[in-house]
Amino acid sequence: MLHIKKDQRVIDFCGDNLKPGYWVSVNESPSDNYIKFGFKVKGSSGDLGTSVIADYLTHRELTILETER
């Protein structure tokens, strides 16, 4: 939500007071290393369907990255 609240396109469409909707769908694909969240963003002047895709790492993968760092 922090990134979405900073996106001017979302603010222009939805207005102020952005809040996530009640229903959040999660599509998790550990084999492809991503996770996708789908939800509505509600604002003072409209609703917007939103998808957020992020990297997905297991605890083991995070440990390896931390060791390398």
PDB file of N, CA and C in Angstrom:
ATOM      1  N   MET A   1       0.820  -1.192   0.000  1.00  0.00           N
ATOM      2  CA  MET A   1       0.000   0.000   0.000  1.00  0.00           C
ATOM      3  C   MET A   1       0.863   1.256   0.000  1.00  0.00           C
ATOM      4  N   LEU A   2       2.053   1.181   0.575  1.00  0.00           N
ATOM      5  CA  LEU A   2       2.913   2.367   0.589  1.00  0.00           C
ATOM      6  C   LEU A   2       3.274   2.805  -0.827  1.00  0.00           C
ATOM      7  N   HIS A   3       3.599   1.848  -1.702  1.00  0.00           N
ATOM      8  CA  HIS A   3       3.931   2.184  -3.086  1.00  0.00           C
ATOM      9  C   HIS A   3       2.701   2.655  -3.853  1.00  0.00           C
ATOM     10  N   ILE A   4       1.579   2.040  -3.601  1.00  0.00           N
ATOM     11  CA  ILE A   4       0.347   2.422  -4.293  1.00  0.00           C
ATOM     12  C   ILE A   4      -0.067   3.842  -3.913  1.00  0.00           C
ATOM     13  N   LYS A   5       0.071   4.195  -2.647  1.00  0.00           N
ATOM     14  CA  LYS A   5      -0.285   5.551  -2.196  1.00  0.00           C
ATOM     15  C   LYS A   5       0.627   6.620  -2.780  1.00  0.00           C
ATOM     16  N   LYS A   6       1.817   6.229  -3.242  1.00  0.00           N
ATOM     17  CA  LYS A   6       2.750   7.184  -3.838  1.00  0.00           C
ATOM     18  C   LYS A   6       2.577   7.316  -5.352  1.00  0.00           C
ATOM     19  N   ASP A   7       1.785   6.415  -5.950  1.00  0.00           N
ATOM     20  CA  ASP A   7       1.600   6.421  -7.404  1.00  0.00           C
ATOM     21  C   ASP A   7       0.573   7.490  -7.782  1.00  0.00           C
ATOM     22  N   GLN A   8       1.013   8.500  -8.516  1.00  0.00           N
ATOM     23  CA  GLN A   8       0.147   9.625  -8.867  1.00  0.00           C
ATOM     24  C   GLN A   8      -1.036   9.195  -9.731  1.00  0.00           C
ATOM     25  N   ARG A   9      -0.856   8.156 -10.562  1.00  0.00           N
ATOM     26  CA  ARG A   9      -1.961   7.679 -11.403  1.00  0.00           C
ATOM     27  C   ARG A   9      -3.108   7.152 -10.544  1.00  0.00           C
ATOM     28  N   VAL A  10      -2.765   6.453  -9.455  1.00  0.00           N
ATOM     29  CA  VAL A  10      -3.793   5.921  -8.554  1.00  0.00           C
ATOM     30  C   VAL A  10      -4.494   7.069  -7.838  1.00  0.00           C
ATOM     31  N   ILE A  11      -3.736   8.041  -7.376  1.00  0.00           N
ATOM     32  CA  ILE A  11      -4.322   9.199  -6.680  1.00  0.00           C
ATOM     33  C   ILE A  11      -5.239   9.976  -7.618  1.00  0.00           C
ATOM     34  N   ASP A  12      -4.804  10.160  -8.884  1.00  0.00           N
ATOM     35  CA  ASP A  12      -5.640  10.881  -9.856  1.00  0.00           C
ATOM     36  C   ASP A  12      -6.956  10.165 -10.103  1.00  0.00           C
ATOM     37  N   PHE A  13      -6.933   8.838 -10.128  1.00  0.00           N
ATOM     38  CA  PHE A  13      -8.145   8.069 -10.416  1.00  0.00           C
ATOM     39  C   PHE A  13      -9.043   7.917  -9.192  1.00  0.00           C
ATOM     40  N   CYS A  14      -8.446   7.567  -8.048  1.00  0.00           N
ATOM     41  CA  CYS A  14      -9.232   7.226  -6.859  1.00  0.00           C
ATOM     42  C   CYS A  14      -9.462   8.400  -5.914  1.00  0.00           C
ATOM     43  N   GLY A  15      -8.637   9.416  -5.975  1.00  0.00           N
ATOM     44  CA  GLY A  15      -8.753  10.525  -5.040  1.00  0.00           C
ATOM     45  C   GLY A  15      -7.975  10.269  -3.767  1.00  0.00           C
ATOM     46  N   ASP A  16      -8.343  10.973  -2.724  1.00  0.00           N
ATOM     47  CA  ASP A  16      -7.648  10.872  -1.436  1.00  0.00           C
ATOM     48  C   ASP A  16      -8.204   9.734  -0.591  1.00  0.00           C
ATOM     49  N   ASN A  17      -7.592   9.544   0.577  1.00  0.00           N
ATOM     50  CA  ASN A  17      -8.025   8.532   1.566  1.00  0.00           C
ATOM     51  C   ASN A  17      -8.048   7.126   0.986  1.00  0.00           C
ATOM     52  N   LEU A  18      -6.941   6.701   0.401  1.00  0.00           N
ATOM     53  CA  LEU A  18      -6.855   5.377  -0.215  1.00  0.00           C
ATOM     54  C   LEU A  18      -6.837   4.287   0.843  1.00  0.00           C
ATOM     55  N   LYS A  19      -7.662   3.261   0.615  1.00  0.00           N
ATOM     56  CA  LYS A  19      -7.717   2.105   1.509  1.00  0.00           C
ATOM     57  C   LYS A  19      -7.882   0.850   0.661  1.00  0.00           C
ATOM     58  N   PRO A  20      -7.299  -0.266   1.115  1.00  0.00           N
ATOM     59  CA  PRO A  20      -7.495  -1.512   0.366  1.00  0.00           C
ATOM     60  C   PRO A  20      -8.902  -2.051   0.587  1.00  0.00           C
ATOM     61  N   GLY A  21      -9.422  -2.769  -0.405  1.00  0.00           N
ATOM     62  CA  GLY A  21     -10.720  -3.418  -0.256  1.00  0.00           C
ATOM     63  C   GLY A  21     -10.641  -4.591   0.700  1.00  0.00           C
ATOM     64  N   TYR A  22     -11.783  -5.189   0.983  1.00  0.00           N
ATOM     65  CA  TYR A  22     -11.848  -6.283   1.951  1.00  0.00           C
ATOM     66  C   TYR A  22     -11.348  -7.608   1.396  1.00  0.00           C
ATOM     67  N   TRP A  23     -11.518  -7.850   0.092  1.00  0.00           N
ATOM     68  CA  TRP A  23     -11.159  -9.133  -0.498  1.00  0.00           C
ATOM     69  C   TRP A  23      -9.790  -9.042  -1.137  1.00  0.00           C
ATOM     70  N   VAL A  24      -8.872  -9.872  -0.687  1.00  0.00           N
ATOM     71  CA  VAL A  24      -7.525  -9.938  -1.248  1.00  0.00           C
ATOM     72  C   VAL A  24      -7.302 -11.349  -1.758  1.00  0.00           C
ATOM     73  N   SER A  25      -7.000 -11.475  -3.041  1.00  0.00           N
ATOM     74  CA  SER A  25      -6.686 -12.799  -3.580  1.00  0.00           C
ATOM     75  C   SER A  25      -5.169 -12.916  -3.700  1.00  0.00           C
ATOM     76  N   VAL A  26      -4.655 -14.100  -3.390  1.00  0.00           N
ATOM     77  CA  VAL A  26      -3.214 -14.336  -3.413  1.00  0.00           C
ATOM     78  C   VAL A  26      -2.930 -15.497  -4.342  1.00  0.00           C
ATOM     79  N   ASN A  27      -2.056 -15.273  -5.299  1.00  0.00           N
ATOM     80  CA  ASN A  27      -1.609 -16.321  -6.212  1.00  0.00           C
ATOM     81  C   ASN A  27      -0.124 -16.511  -5.957  1.00  0.00           C
ATOM     82  N   GLU A  28       0.218 -17.603  -5.303  1.00  0.00           N
ATOM     83  CA  GLU A  28       1.590 -17.859  -4.893  1.00  0.00           C
ATOM     84  C   GLU A  28       2.210 -18.905  -5.810  1.00  0.00           C
ATOM     85  N   SER A  29       3.371 -18.587  -6.370  1.00  0.00           N
ATOM     86  CA  SER A  29       4.051 -19.526  -7.255  1.00  0.00           C
ATOM     87  C   SER A  29       5.518 -19.648  -6.848  1.00  0.00           C
ATOM     88  N   PRO A  30       5.811 -20.473  -5.840  1.00  0.00           N
ATOM     89  CA  PRO A  30       7.193 -20.618  -5.381  1.00  0.00           C
ATOM     90  C   PRO A  30       8.143 -21.120  -6.466  1.00  0.00           C
ATOM     91  N   SER A  31       7.632 -21.927  -7.389  1.00  0.00           N
ATOM     92  CA  SER A  31       8.509 -22.446  -8.443  1.00  0.00           C
ATOM     93  C   SER A  31       8.951 -21.331  -9.394  1.00  0.00           C
ATOM     94  N   ASP A  32       8.124 -20.306  -9.567  1.00  0.00           N
ATOM     95  CA  ASP A  32       8.473 -19.173 -10.427  1.00  0.00           C
ATOM     96  C   ASP A  32       9.013 -17.992  -9.625  1.00  0.00           C
ATOM     97  N   ASN A  33       9.089 -18.138  -8.299  1.00  0.00           N
ATOM     98  CA  ASN A  33       9.620 -17.112  -7.393  1.00  0.00           C
ATOM     99  C   ASN A  33       8.859 -15.786  -7.439  1.00  0.00           C
ATOM    100  N   TYR A  34       7.535 -15.855  -7.499  1.00  0.00           N
ATOM    101  CA  TYR A  34       6.762 -14.624  -7.377  1.00  0.00           C
ATOM    102  C   TYR A  34       5.475 -14.894  -6.600  1.00  0.00           C
ATOM    103  N   ILE A  35       4.912 -13.817  -6.089  1.00  0.00           N
ATOM    104  CA  ILE A  35       3.609 -13.872  -5.430  1.00  0.00           C
ATOM    105  C   ILE A  35       2.810 -12.678  -5.932  1.00  0.00           C
ATOM    106  N   LYS A  36       1.525 -12.894  -6.189  1.00  0.00           N
ATOM    107  CA  LYS A  36       0.677 -11.845  -6.753  1.00  0.00           C
ATOM    108  C   LYS A  36      -0.513 -11.607  -5.835  1.00  0.00           C
ATOM    109  N   PHE A  37      -0.700 -10.360  -5.431  1.00  0.00           N
ATOM    110  CA  PHE A  37      -1.842  -9.959  -4.622  1.00  0.00           C
ATOM    111  C   PHE A  37      -2.796  -9.164  -5.503  1.00  0.00           C
ATOM    112  N   GLY A  38      -4.062  -9.531  -5.492  1.00  0.00           N
ATOM    113  CA  GLY A  38      -5.078  -8.793  -6.231  1.00  0.00           C
ATOM    114  C   GLY A  38      -6.114  -8.252  -5.271  1.00  0.00           C
ATOM    115  N   PHE A  39      -6.431  -6.965  -5.383  1.00  0.00           N
ATOM    116  CA  PHE A  39      -7.423  -6.340  -4.503  1.00  0.00           C
ATOM    117  C   PHE A  39      -7.876  -5.019  -5.104  1.00  0.00           C
ATOM    118  N   LYS A  40      -8.910  -4.442  -4.530  1.00  0.00           N
ATOM    119  CA  LYS A  40      -9.391  -3.135  -4.958  1.00  0.00           C
ATOM    120  C   LYS A  40      -8.834  -2.075  -4.033  1.00  0.00           C
ATOM    121  N   VAL A  41      -8.514  -0.936  -4.604  1.00  0.00           N
ATOM    122  CA  VAL A  41      -8.125   0.237  -3.833  1.00  0.00           C
ATOM    123  C   VAL A  41      -9.311   1.183  -3.891  1.00  0.00           C
ATOM    124  N   LYS A  42      -9.768   1.611  -2.720  1.00  0.00           N
ATOM    125  CA  LYS A  42     -10.925   2.493  -2.649  1.00  0.00           C
ATOM    126  C   LYS A  42     -10.479   3.873  -2.197  1.00  0.00           C
ATOM    127  N   GLY A  43     -10.979   4.883  -2.880  1.00  0.00           N
ATOM    128  CA  GLY A  43     -10.661   6.261  -2.544  1.00  0.00           C
ATOM    129  C   GLY A  43     -11.913   7.109  -2.517  1.00  0.00           C
ATOM    130  N   SER A  44     -11.731   8.406  -2.309  1.00  0.00           N
ATOM    131  CA  SER A  44     -12.874   9.305  -2.177  1.00  0.00           C
ATOM    132  C   SER A  44     -13.639   9.495  -3.482  1.00  0.00           C
ATOM    133  N   SER A  45     -12.996   9.227  -4.651  1.00  0.00           N
ATOM    134  CA  SER A  45     -13.704   9.438  -5.910  1.00  0.00           C
ATOM    135  C   SER A  45     -13.791   8.201  -6.794  1.00  0.00           C
ATOM    136  N   GLY A  46     -13.405   7.025  -6.288  1.00  0.00           N
ATOM    137  CA  GLY A  46     -13.553   5.828  -7.107  1.00  0.00           C
ATOM    138  C   GLY A  46     -12.799   4.624  -6.576  1.00  0.00           C
ATOM    139  N   ASP A  47     -13.067   3.472  -7.212  1.00  0.00           N
ATOM    140  CA  ASP A  47     -12.409   2.209  -6.877  1.00  0.00           C
ATOM    141  C   ASP A  47     -11.556   1.774  -8.059  1.00  0.00           C
ATOM    142  N   LEU A  48     -10.450   1.088  -7.759  1.00  0.00           N
ATOM    143  CA  LEU A  48      -9.535   0.650  -8.797  1.00  0.00           C
ATOM    144  C   LEU A  48      -9.092  -0.769  -8.512  1.00  0.00           C
ATOM    145  N   GLY A  49      -9.243  -1.668  -9.488  1.00  0.00           N
ATOM    146  CA  GLY A  49      -8.734  -3.029  -9.349  1.00  0.00           C
ATOM    147  C   GLY A  49      -7.210  -2.996  -9.448  1.00  0.00           C
ATOM    148  N   THR A  50      -6.530  -3.638  -8.516  1.00  0.00           N
ATOM    149  CA  THR A  50      -5.078  -3.539  -8.420  1.00  0.00           C
ATOM    150  C   THR A  50      -4.443  -4.912  -8.299  1.00  0.00           C
ATOM    151  N   SER A  51      -3.293  -5.097  -8.943  1.00  0.00           N
ATOM    152  CA  SER A  51      -2.479  -6.294  -8.782  1.00  0.00           C
ATOM    153  C   SER A  51      -1.074  -5.864  -8.383  1.00  0.00           C
ATOM    154  N   VAL A  52      -0.542  -6.509  -7.362  1.00  0.00           N
ATOM    155  CA  VAL A  52       0.821  -6.244  -6.915  1.00  0.00           C
ATOM    156  C   VAL A  52       1.592  -7.560  -7.028  1.00  0.00           C
ATOM    157  N   ILE A  53       2.681  -7.540  -7.776  1.00  0.00           N
ATOM    158  CA  ILE A  53       3.502  -8.728  -7.965  1.00  0.00           C
ATOM    159  C   ILE A  53       4.850  -8.483  -7.296  1.00  0.00           C
ATOM    160  N   ALA A  54       5.274  -9.449  -6.486  1.00  0.00           N
ATOM    161  CA  ALA A  54       6.530  -9.301  -5.746  1.00  0.00           C
ATOM    162  C   ALA A  54       7.351 -10.585  -5.844  1.00  0.00           C
ATOM    163  N   ASP A  55       8.640 -10.453  -5.605  1.00  0.00           N
ATOM    164  CA  ASP A  55       9.518 -11.629  -5.562  1.00  0.00           C
ATOM    165  C   ASP A  55       9.131 -12.513  -4.388  1.00  0.00           C
ATOM    166  N   TYR A  56       9.297 -13.797  -4.573  1.00  0.00           N
ATOM    167  CA  TYR A  56       8.975 -14.781  -3.535  1.00  0.00           C
ATOM    168  C   TYR A  56      10.237 -15.586  -3.266  1.00  0.00           C
ATOM    169  N   LEU A  57      10.732 -15.508  -2.034  1.00  0.00           N
ATOM    170  CA  LEU A  57      11.903 -16.288  -1.646  1.00  0.00           C
ATOM    171  C   LEU A  57      11.587 -17.111  -0.402  1.00  0.00           C
ATOM    172  N   THR A  58      12.106 -18.312  -0.370  1.00  0.00           N
ATOM    173  CA  THR A  58      11.930 -19.150   0.812  1.00  0.00           C
ATOM    174  C   THR A  58      12.931 -18.734   1.885  1.00  0.00           C
ATOM    175  N   HIS A  59      12.754 -19.238   3.087  1.00  0.00           N
ATOM    176  CA  HIS A  59      13.678 -18.928   4.176  1.00  0.00           C
ATOM    177  C   HIS A  59      15.093 -19.366   3.811  1.00  0.00           C
ATOM    178  N   ARG A  60      15.206 -20.524   3.184  1.00  0.00           N
ATOM    179  CA  ARG A  60      16.518 -21.036   2.768  1.00  0.00           C
ATOM    180  C   ARG A  60      17.185 -20.086   1.782  1.00  0.00           C
ATOM    181  N   GLU A  61      16.432 -19.601   0.796  1.00  0.00           N
ATOM    182  CA  GLU A  61      16.988 -18.674  -0.197  1.00  0.00           C
ATOM    183  C   GLU A  61      17.399 -17.348   0.448  1.00  0.00           C
ATOM    184  N   LEU A  62      16.592 -16.863   1.385  1.00  0.00           N
ATOM    185  CA  LEU A  62      16.945 -15.639   2.088  1.00  0.00           C
ATOM    186  C   LEU A  62      18.214 -15.823   2.922  1.00  0.00           C
ATOM    187  N   THR A  63      18.369 -16.983   3.537  1.00  0.00           N
ATOM    188  CA  THR A  63      19.573 -17.280   4.319  1.00  0.00           C
ATOM    189  C   THR A  63      20.809 -17.275   3.424  1.00  0.00           C
ATOM    190  N   ILE A  64      20.703 -17.872   2.240  1.00  0.00           N
ATOM    191  CA  ILE A  64      21.822 -17.896   1.299  1.00  0.00           C
ATOM    192  C   ILE A  64      22.186 -16.470   0.875  1.00  0.00           C
ATOM    193  N   LEU A  65      21.190 -15.649   0.567  1.00  0.00           N
ATOM    194  CA  LEU A  65      21.461 -14.269   0.180  1.00  0.00           C
ATOM    195  C   LEU A  65      22.126 -13.479   1.317  1.00  0.00           C
ATOM    196  N   GLU A  66      21.640 -13.699   2.523  1.00  0.00           N
ATOM    197  CA  GLU A  66      22.224 -13.012   3.682  1.00  0.00           C
ATOM    198  C   GLU A  66      23.666 -13.441   3.899  1.00  0.00           C
ATOM    199  N   THR A  67      23.973 -14.713   3.722  1.00  0.00           N
ATOM    200  CA  THR A  67      25.335 -15.220   3.872  1.00  0.00           C
ATOM    201  C   THR A  67      26.247 -14.602   2.810  1.00  0.00           C
ATOM    202  N   GLU A  68      25.757 -14.502   1.579  1.00  0.00           N
ATOM    203  CA  GLU A  68      26.551 -13.905   0.516  1.00  0.00           C
ATOM    204  C   GLU A  68      26.818 -12.423   0.748  1.00  0.00           C
ATOM    205  N   ARG A  69      25.838 -11.766   1.357  1.00  0.00           N
ATOM    206  CA  ARG A  69      25.971 -10.323   1.627  1.00  0.00           C
ATOM    207  C   ARG A  69      27.002 -10.101   2.703  1.00  0.00           C
TER     208      ARG A  69
END
